Amino acid sequence: MAGPNNDARAGRNDVETMDLTQVKQPLAIAARPFIEARGVSRAFTVNGKRLVVFDDLSCAVAEGGFLSIIGPSGCGKSTLLKLIAGLDTPTGGEILFRGERILGPADGMIYVFQQYTKSIFPWRTVIQNIEFGLSSHKSLPRARARERCMEYVKLVGLDGYENHYPYQLSGGMQQRVVIARALIREPAVLLMDEPFSAVDALTRALLQELILKIWSSIKVTILFVTHDVEEAVFLSSHIISLTKSPASIDENLDVDLPYPRDPIATRADPRFTVLRQRLFSSIFLREKGIAPEARG
């Protein structure tokens, strides 16, 4: 897979000035499942008691899509993501990636954790952190490796900060370093576990813009876990909403909003409001132990 295209490399240095009307449409989503969960179960034993996170859960992810997983707290969103990544093993059922059963960390998948401060090396500069992702993936001459790293520095809007250390960066900038280091490995799938939950609202909006820009520029399938329904609706081409544990799929739907998405105009679209309200009310009522059917 090629690295960032010319449009991405020519992107402005500052995410705040990004013009999403110039971002090309996301890649077409293939019809056949790229990732598939078949009758997946996961249970833990806690203090001698069996805790079932989910049982007989099945879903499919199309190649090139942006899938968000939402649901009540503790319903197993992150657990499902770890199972797909091969970082955990299902109690029953199976998960397939490109038609092959996942038995461990899958080649072609990269996992971006929620705690970005624990994901980057504090003794390495921005470009050295990104270079670590490249060096662990492929061997390139030093000059070419540095050139490739700078492409990704620019892609995530960190021009001019490549020689800074993590402690000299804001939280949002540190998360961009983590994203760039993941992407330089050219994954087919990027798994993101609440990656923007620890930053302020404005930084979060800017990072949402950034990830959509990247998704539209690079051939990558994104699986994104979030507690924020609005974030899921804004970003996603498809959303799966889980019930409370033991979880099942409550909603499995396409997001009927055009790309490119604008942080202001998209949120003002009546379709955005309707979908956000539908998903939020369902999750909120389930958190309170009220079946959504009982509304009204």
Protein backbone atom coordinates (compact mmCIF):
# COMPACT_ATOMS: atom_id res chain seq x y z
CA MET A 1 0.00 0.00 0.00
CA ALA A 2 1.29 3.42 -0.89
CA GLY A 3 2.03 6.05 1.73
CA PRO A 4 0.27 9.43 1.92
CA ASN A 5 -0.66 10.73 -1.51
CA ASN A 6 0.39 14.08 -2.88
CA ASP A 7 -2.77 15.74 -1.61
CA ALA A 8 -1.99 14.60 1.93
CA ARG A 9 1.66 15.66 1.73
CA ALA A 10 0.61 19.06 0.48
CA GLY A 11 -1.76 19.47 3.46
CA ARG A 12 -1.37 22.59 5.53
CA ASN A 13 0.82 22.57 8.55
CA ASP A 14 -1.97 23.57 10.87
CA VAL A 15 -5.02 21.35 11.31
CA GLU A 16 -7.00 24.41 12.36
CA THR A 17 -6.82 25.74 8.79
CA MET A 18 -7.78 22.48 7.12
CA ASP A 19 -10.34 22.84 4.30
CA LEU A 20 -12.31 19.61 4.33
CA THR A 21 -14.18 20.61 1.16
CA GLN A 22 -10.97 19.75 -0.69
CA VAL A 23 -10.73 16.26 0.82
CA LYS A 24 -11.61 13.56 -1.67
CA GLN A 25 -14.43 11.12 -1.00
CA PRO A 26 -13.55 8.03 1.07
CA LEU A 27 -12.71 4.85 -0.77
CA ALA A 28 -15.61 2.72 -1.91
CA ILE A 29 -16.59 0.10 0.63
CA ALA A 30 -16.32 -3.48 -0.59
CA ALA A 31 -19.36 -5.74 -0.38
CA ARG A 32 -17.71 -8.80 1.16
CA PRO A 33 -16.77 -8.88 4.86
CA PHE A 34 -13.21 -7.82 5.51
CA ILE A 35 -13.47 -8.64 9.21
CA GLU A 36 -16.13 -10.99 10.52
CA ALA A 37 -17.17 -12.08 14.02
CA ARG A 38 -19.07 -15.37 14.03
CA GLY A 39 -20.97 -16.36 17.17
CA VAL A 40 -18.33 -14.78 19.41
CA SER A 41 -18.57 -15.17 23.17
CA ARG A 42 -16.31 -13.81 25.90
CA ALA A 43 -16.62 -14.57 29.60
CA PHE A 44 -14.37 -13.93 32.60
CA THR A 45 -14.27 -15.42 36.08
CA VAL A 46 -14.32 -12.68 38.73
CA ASN A 47 -14.21 -13.63 42.43
CA GLY A 48 -15.37 -17.10 41.58
CA LYS A 49 -18.33 -15.86 39.53
CA ARG A 50 -18.68 -16.15 35.78
CA LEU A 51 -19.13 -12.79 34.05
CA VAL A 52 -20.42 -12.98 30.48
CA VAL A 53 -19.45 -9.91 28.45
CA PHE A 54 -21.24 -11.07 25.32
CA ASP A 55 -22.54 -14.33 23.97
CA ASP A 56 -23.07 -15.45 20.36
CA LEU A 57 -22.27 -12.03 18.89
CA SER A 58 -21.91 -11.78 15.11
CA CYS A 59 -21.06 -8.80 12.91
CA ALA A 60 -19.12 -7.95 9.78
CA VAL A 61 -16.89 -5.05 8.73
CA ALA A 62 -16.47 -4.05 5.10
CA GLU A 63 -13.07 -3.06 3.73
CA GLY A 64 -12.50 0.67 3.57
CA GLY A 65 -15.23 1.52 6.08
CA PHE A 66 -15.19 3.64 9.21
CA LEU A 67 -17.02 1.62 11.87
CA SER A 68 -17.73 3.01 15.33
CA ILE A 69 -18.68 0.78 18.26
CA ILE A 70 -20.80 2.47 20.93
CA GLY A 71 -22.89 1.35 23.89
CA PRO A 72 -23.35 1.65 27.66
CA SER A 73 -20.32 1.72 29.94
CA GLY A 74 -18.96 -1.76 30.59
CA CYS A 75 -20.81 -3.42 27.70
CA GLY A 76 -17.64 -4.83 26.12
CA LYS A 77 -16.73 -2.31 23.42
CA SER A 78 -13.01 -2.41 24.17
CA THR A 79 -13.14 -6.17 24.74
CA LEU A 80 -14.58 -6.65 21.25
CA LEU A 81 -11.88 -4.43 19.77
CA LYS A 82 -9.14 -6.43 21.53
CA LEU A 83 -10.63 -9.69 20.27
CA ILE A 84 -10.58 -8.37 16.71
CA ALA A 85 -6.98 -7.23 17.17
CA GLY A 86 -5.97 -10.67 18.43
CA LEU A 87 -4.95 -9.25 21.82
CA ASP A 88 -7.55 -11.41 23.56
CA THR A 89 -9.09 -14.81 22.83
CA PRO A 90 -12.83 -15.46 22.55
CA THR A 91 -14.42 -18.02 24.84
CA GLY A 92 -16.43 -19.27 21.90
CA GLY A 93 -16.91 -18.56 18.21
CA GLU A 94 -14.32 -17.08 15.89
CA ILE A 95 -13.14 -13.85 14.29
CA LEU A 96 -11.92 -13.81 10.70
CA PHE A 97 -9.66 -11.26 8.99
CA ARG A 98 -9.40 -11.56 5.22
CA GLY A 99 -11.02 -14.96 5.54
CA GLU A 100 -8.43 -16.29 8.01
CA ARG A 101 -9.17 -17.04 11.65
CA ILE A 102 -7.46 -14.65 14.08
CA LEU A 103 -5.34 -16.63 16.55
CA GLY A 104 -3.08 -13.82 17.78
CA PRO A 105 -2.05 -10.27 16.88
CA ALA A 106 -2.94 -10.03 13.20
CA ASP A 107 -0.48 -8.79 10.61
CA GLY A 108 -1.99 -5.72 8.98
CA MET A 109 -3.72 -4.40 12.10
CA ILE A 110 -2.50 -1.62 14.40
CA TYR A 111 -4.10 -0.82 17.77
CA VAL A 112 -4.11 2.76 19.09
CA PHE A 113 -4.72 2.77 22.83
CA GLN A 114 -6.65 5.32 24.85
CA GLN A 115 -3.69 6.32 27.06
CA TYR A 116 -1.46 7.98 24.50
CA THR A 117 0.96 9.19 27.20
CA LYS A 118 1.90 5.54 27.80
CA SER A 119 2.17 4.79 24.08
CA ILE A 120 5.05 7.06 23.10
CA PHE A 121 8.66 7.04 24.25
CA PRO A 122 9.41 10.15 26.37
CA TRP A 123 13.13 9.97 25.56
CA ARG A 124 12.50 10.10 21.80
CA THR A 125 11.60 13.17 19.74
CA VAL A 126 8.49 13.28 17.56
CA ILE A 127 10.28 12.07 14.47
CA GLN A 128 12.21 9.42 16.43
CA ASN A 129 8.94 8.06 17.82
CA ILE A 130 7.49 7.86 14.32
CA GLU A 131 10.71 6.36 13.00
CA PHE A 132 10.40 3.55 15.55
CA GLY A 133 7.15 2.49 13.90
CA LEU A 134 8.86 2.42 10.52
CA SER A 135 12.04 0.63 11.63
CA SER A 136 10.04 -2.14 13.29
CA HIS A 137 8.15 -2.64 10.01
CA LYS A 138 10.71 -2.33 7.23
CA SER A 139 14.36 -1.47 6.65
CA LEU A 140 15.09 1.64 4.58
CA PRO A 141 18.22 3.71 3.98
CA ARG A 142 18.48 6.40 6.65
CA ALA A 143 17.79 9.31 4.28
CA ARG A 144 14.73 7.61 2.81
CA ALA A 145 13.48 6.63 6.27
CA ARG A 146 13.73 10.23 7.47
CA GLU A 147 11.92 11.41 4.35
CA ARG A 148 9.10 8.93 4.97
CA CYS A 149 8.81 10.02 8.60
CA MET A 150 8.54 13.65 7.56
CA GLU A 151 5.68 12.74 5.22
CA TYR A 152 3.73 11.46 8.22
CA VAL A 153 4.79 14.36 10.42
CA LYS A 154 3.18 16.64 7.82
CA LEU A 155 0.16 14.38 7.42
CA VAL A 156 -0.76 14.79 11.11
CA GLY A 157 0.01 18.51 11.16
CA LEU A 158 3.19 18.47 13.25
CA ASP A 159 5.48 20.37 10.88
CA GLY A 160 8.03 22.29 12.90
CA TYR A 161 7.63 20.01 15.93
CA GLU A 162 9.53 17.00 14.62
CA ASN A 163 12.46 17.58 16.99
CA HIS A 164 10.33 18.25 20.08
CA TYR A 165 10.05 15.75 22.92
CA PRO A 166 6.64 14.55 24.19
CA TYR A 167 6.79 16.72 27.33
CA GLN A 168 7.02 19.76 25.05
CA LEU A 169 3.75 18.87 23.29
CA SER A 170 0.08 19.23 24.20
CA GLY A 171 -2.05 16.13 24.72
CA GLY A 172 -3.60 16.46 21.28
CA MET A 173 -0.18 16.74 19.65
CA GLN A 174 1.05 13.67 21.50
CA GLN A 175 -1.93 11.73 20.18
CA ARG A 176 -1.04 12.83 16.66
CA VAL A 177 2.42 11.34 17.18
CA VAL A 178 0.81 8.02 18.16
CA ILE A 179 -1.43 8.11 15.08
CA ALA A 180 1.48 8.91 12.75
CA ARG A 181 3.59 6.10 14.23
CA ALA A 182 0.73 3.66 13.67
CA LEU A 183 0.04 4.81 10.11
CA ILE A 184 3.65 4.69 8.95
CA ARG A 185 3.40 0.91 9.26
CA GLU A 186 0.77 1.09 6.51
CA PRO A 187 -1.86 -1.03 8.27
CA ALA A 188 -4.93 -2.35 6.50
CA VAL A 189 -6.89 -1.83 9.72
CA LEU A 190 -6.51 0.88 12.36
CA LEU A 191 -8.18 0.02 15.66
CA MET A 192 -8.73 3.02 17.94
CA ASP A 193 -9.93 2.65 21.53
CA GLU A 194 -11.40 5.99 22.68
CA PRO A 195 -8.35 7.82 21.32
CA PHE A 196 -9.70 11.35 21.90
CA SER A 197 -11.36 10.90 25.29
CA ALA A 198 -8.57 12.53 27.29
CA VAL A 199 -8.38 15.82 25.37
CA ASP A 200 -10.48 18.99 25.59
CA ALA A 201 -13.51 19.58 23.35
CA LEU A 202 -11.79 21.85 20.81
CA THR A 203 -8.76 19.57 20.47
CA ARG A 204 -11.13 16.64 20.10
CA ALA A 205 -12.93 18.36 17.20
CA LEU A 206 -9.61 19.08 15.50
CA LEU A 207 -8.49 15.46 15.91
CA GLN A 208 -11.80 14.28 14.47
CA GLU A 209 -11.12 16.44 11.41
CA LEU A 210 -7.63 14.99 11.21
CA ILE A 211 -8.70 11.35 11.33
CA LEU A 212 -11.30 11.92 8.59
CA LYS A 213 -8.65 13.61 6.44
CA ILE A 214 -6.34 10.65 6.93
CA TRP A 215 -9.10 8.12 6.23
CA SER A 216 -9.97 9.86 2.97
CA SER A 217 -6.29 10.05 1.93
CA ILE A 218 -5.01 6.57 2.80
CA LYS A 219 -6.45 3.13 2.13
CA VAL A 220 -7.28 2.03 5.66
CA THR A 221 -10.27 0.50 7.45
CA ILE A 222 -10.96 2.12 10.84
CA LEU A 223 -12.64 0.51 13.85
CA PHE A 224 -13.31 3.15 16.46
CA VAL A 225 -14.57 2.69 20.04
CA THR A 226 -16.15 5.71 21.69
CA HIS A 227 -18.57 6.63 24.48
CA ASP A 228 -19.49 9.79 22.58
CA VAL A 229 -22.54 9.21 20.36
CA GLU A 230 -22.09 12.56 18.59
CA GLU A 231 -18.49 11.68 17.76
CA ALA A 232 -19.58 8.32 16.34
CA VAL A 233 -22.25 9.88 14.12
CA PHE A 234 -19.87 12.60 12.88
CA LEU A 235 -17.04 10.24 11.97
CA SER A 236 -18.58 6.97 10.91
CA SER A 237 -19.85 5.36 7.74
CA HIS A 238 -21.36 2.62 9.92
CA ILE A 239 -22.24 2.26 13.63
CA ILE A 240 -22.78 -0.76 15.87
CA SER A 241 -24.46 -0.04 19.20
CA LEU A 242 -24.24 -2.70 21.90
CA THR A 243 -26.67 -3.39 24.72
CA LYS A 244 -25.64 -3.72 28.36
CA SER A 245 -23.64 -6.80 29.33
CA PRO A 246 -24.15 -9.56 28.41
CA ALA A 247 -24.10 -7.52 25.23
CA SER A 248 -25.86 -8.08 21.97
CA ILE A 249 -26.12 -5.77 18.97
CA ASP A 250 -28.91 -3.24 19.53
CA GLU A 251 -28.31 -1.14 16.39
CA ASN A 252 -26.36 -1.99 13.24
CA LEU A 253 -26.77 0.84 10.77
CA ASP A 254 -25.24 2.93 8.02
CA VAL A 255 -24.77 6.66 8.60
CA ASP A 256 -26.63 8.49 5.84
CA LEU A 257 -24.50 11.64 5.86
CA PRO A 258 -22.31 12.71 2.93
CA TYR A 259 -18.54 13.05 3.01
CA PRO A 260 -16.54 15.21 3.38
CA ARG A 261 -18.04 16.12 6.75
CA ASP A 262 -17.80 19.58 8.18
CA PRO A 263 -17.58 20.08 11.96
CA ILE A 264 -20.30 22.74 11.87
CA ALA A 265 -22.45 22.06 8.80
CA THR A 266 -22.68 18.30 9.34
CA ARG A 267 -23.80 18.72 12.94
CA ALA A 268 -26.50 21.14 11.74
CA ASP A 269 -27.90 18.56 9.30
CA PRO A 270 -31.34 17.33 10.52
CA ARG A 271 -30.29 13.74 9.71
CA PHE A 272 -27.36 14.12 12.12
CA THR A 273 -29.67 15.31 14.90
CA VAL A 274 -32.18 12.52 14.36
CA LEU A 275 -29.57 9.77 14.37
CA ARG A 276 -27.71 11.18 17.37
CA GLN A 277 -30.95 11.43 19.35
CA ARG A 278 -32.01 7.91 18.38
CA LEU A 279 -28.74 6.34 19.47
CA PHE A 280 -28.28 8.48 22.58
CA SER A 281 -31.79 7.86 23.90
CA SER A 282 -31.45 4.12 23.39
CA ILE A 283 -28.13 3.95 25.26
CA PHE A 284 -29.30 6.33 28.00
CA LEU A 285 -32.44 4.34 28.70
CA ARG A 286 -30.53 1.06 28.77
CA GLU A 287 -28.09 2.56 31.29
CA LYS A 288 -31.11 3.27 33.50
CA GLY A 289 -32.44 -0.24 33.01
CA ILE A 290 -35.36 0.86 30.82
CA ALA A 291 -36.01 -0.94 27.56
CA PRO A 292 -36.09 1.58 24.66
CA GLU A 293 -39.41 0.07 23.52
CA ALA A 294 -40.96 1.42 26.73
CA ARG A 295 -40.37 5.05 25.71
CA GLY A 296 -43.24 7.46 25.34
